[in-house]
Amino acid sequence: MRAPDPVVTFIVVLVVGLAAGFLFDRLAGPSWLARQFSGSTRGIVTSALVGIAGALIGYHIAVLLALGGGIVTSVIAAALGATVVLFAWRMAK
């Protein structure tokens, strides 16, 4: 079994983080009431960047724990990392 190409893995992790950020912004963004009081919303770009950062963190934690080198493991680890970091970011705001 061959290790996946690092460029492909990097692009997959970026896409997973970007998708998680966009979905998080649409589904779990600030409520209508919070937007009315704060007067501004977090940008979709910011959510996407935080999602990418979380995906990279999740992927690297999976590599450090030696959970496997497959592309499926990379996608799952990136998605979990992005989810955890996005929810932590929301709680911090």
Protein backbone atom coordinates (compact mmCIF):
# COMPACT_ATOMS: atom_id res chain seq x y z
CA MET A 1 0.00 0.00 0.00
CA ARG A 2 1.42 3.33 -1.08
CA ALA A 3 1.34 6.54 0.94
CA PRO A 4 -0.84 9.19 -0.66
CA ASP A 5 0.81 12.06 -2.50
CA PRO A 6 1.48 14.96 -0.07
CA VAL A 7 0.13 17.54 -2.51
CA VAL A 8 -3.14 15.64 -2.93
CA THR A 9 -3.44 15.19 0.84
CA PHE A 10 -2.82 18.91 1.40
CA ILE A 11 -5.44 19.89 -1.18
CA VAL A 12 -7.97 17.45 0.30
CA VAL A 13 -7.38 18.82 3.81
CA LEU A 14 -7.79 22.39 2.51
CA VAL A 15 -11.03 21.52 0.73
CA VAL A 16 -12.42 19.76 3.82
CA GLY A 17 -11.55 22.75 6.02
CA LEU A 18 -13.02 25.20 3.53
CA ALA A 19 -16.24 23.21 3.23
CA ALA A 20 -16.51 22.87 7.01
CA GLY A 21 -16.06 26.62 7.42
CA PHE A 22 -18.71 27.44 4.83
CA LEU A 23 -21.17 24.93 6.30
CA PHE A 24 -20.51 26.15 9.82
CA ASP A 25 -21.12 29.75 8.79
CA ARG A 26 -24.41 28.84 7.13
CA LEU A 27 -25.72 26.35 9.68
CA ALA A 28 -24.28 27.39 13.04
CA GLY A 29 -23.54 31.06 12.55
CA PRO A 30 -24.78 33.73 14.93
CA SER A 31 -28.49 33.78 15.53
CA TRP A 32 -30.78 36.47 14.19
CA LEU A 33 -31.06 38.05 17.64
CA ALA A 34 -27.27 38.13 18.09
CA ARG A 35 -26.87 39.81 14.69
CA GLN A 36 -29.41 42.46 15.66
CA PHE A 37 -27.58 43.39 18.87
CA SER A 38 -24.02 43.15 17.63
CA GLY A 39 -24.64 44.92 14.36
CA SER A 40 -22.19 42.77 12.46
CA THR A 41 -21.64 39.18 11.52
CA ARG A 42 -18.52 37.12 11.27
CA GLY A 43 -17.45 36.85 7.72
CA ILE A 44 -17.70 33.69 5.72
CA VAL A 45 -14.02 34.10 4.89
CA THR A 46 -13.11 34.05 8.57
CA SER A 47 -15.14 30.89 9.13
CA ALA A 48 -13.46 29.26 6.15
CA LEU A 49 -9.99 30.17 7.44
CA VAL A 50 -10.77 28.84 10.90
CA GLY A 51 -12.10 25.67 9.29
CA ILE A 52 -8.89 25.25 7.31
CA ALA A 53 -6.81 25.77 10.45
CA GLY A 54 -8.88 23.17 12.28
CA ALA A 55 -8.58 20.71 9.42
CA LEU A 56 -4.81 21.07 9.40
CA ILE A 57 -4.67 20.61 13.17
CA GLY A 58 -6.88 17.52 13.02
CA TYR A 59 -4.86 16.01 10.21
CA HIS A 60 -1.56 16.56 12.00
CA ILE A 61 -2.87 15.12 15.26
CA ALA A 62 -3.96 12.01 13.33
CA VAL A 63 -0.48 11.75 11.81
CA LEU A 64 1.16 12.14 15.23
CA LEU A 65 -1.09 9.42 16.67
CA ALA A 66 -0.27 7.18 13.67
CA LEU A 67 -3.93 6.50 12.88
CA GLY A 68 -3.13 5.51 9.32
CA GLY A 69 -1.91 7.09 6.17
CA GLY A 70 -4.90 6.65 3.89
CA ILE A 71 -6.86 9.43 2.28
CA VAL A 72 -10.05 8.36 4.09
CA THR A 73 -8.32 8.70 7.45
CA SER A 74 -7.03 12.11 6.40
CA VAL A 75 -10.51 13.31 5.45
CA ILE A 76 -12.07 12.04 8.68
CA ALA A 77 -9.33 13.55 10.85
CA ALA A 78 -9.52 16.86 8.99
CA ALA A 79 -13.31 17.00 9.34
CA LEU A 80 -13.17 16.22 13.06
CA GLY A 81 -10.43 18.77 13.62
CA ALA A 82 -12.30 21.47 11.72
CA THR A 83 -15.49 20.74 13.63
CA VAL A 84 -13.81 20.92 17.03
CA VAL A 85 -11.92 24.12 16.25
CA LEU A 86 -14.99 25.82 14.72
CA PHE A 87 -17.14 25.02 17.74
CA ALA A 88 -14.38 26.17 20.12
CA TRP A 89 -14.06 29.37 18.10
CA ARG A 90 -17.81 29.94 18.33
CA MET A 91 -17.79 29.42 22.09
CA ALA A 92 -14.89 31.89 22.44
CA LYS A 93 -16.81 34.58 20.57
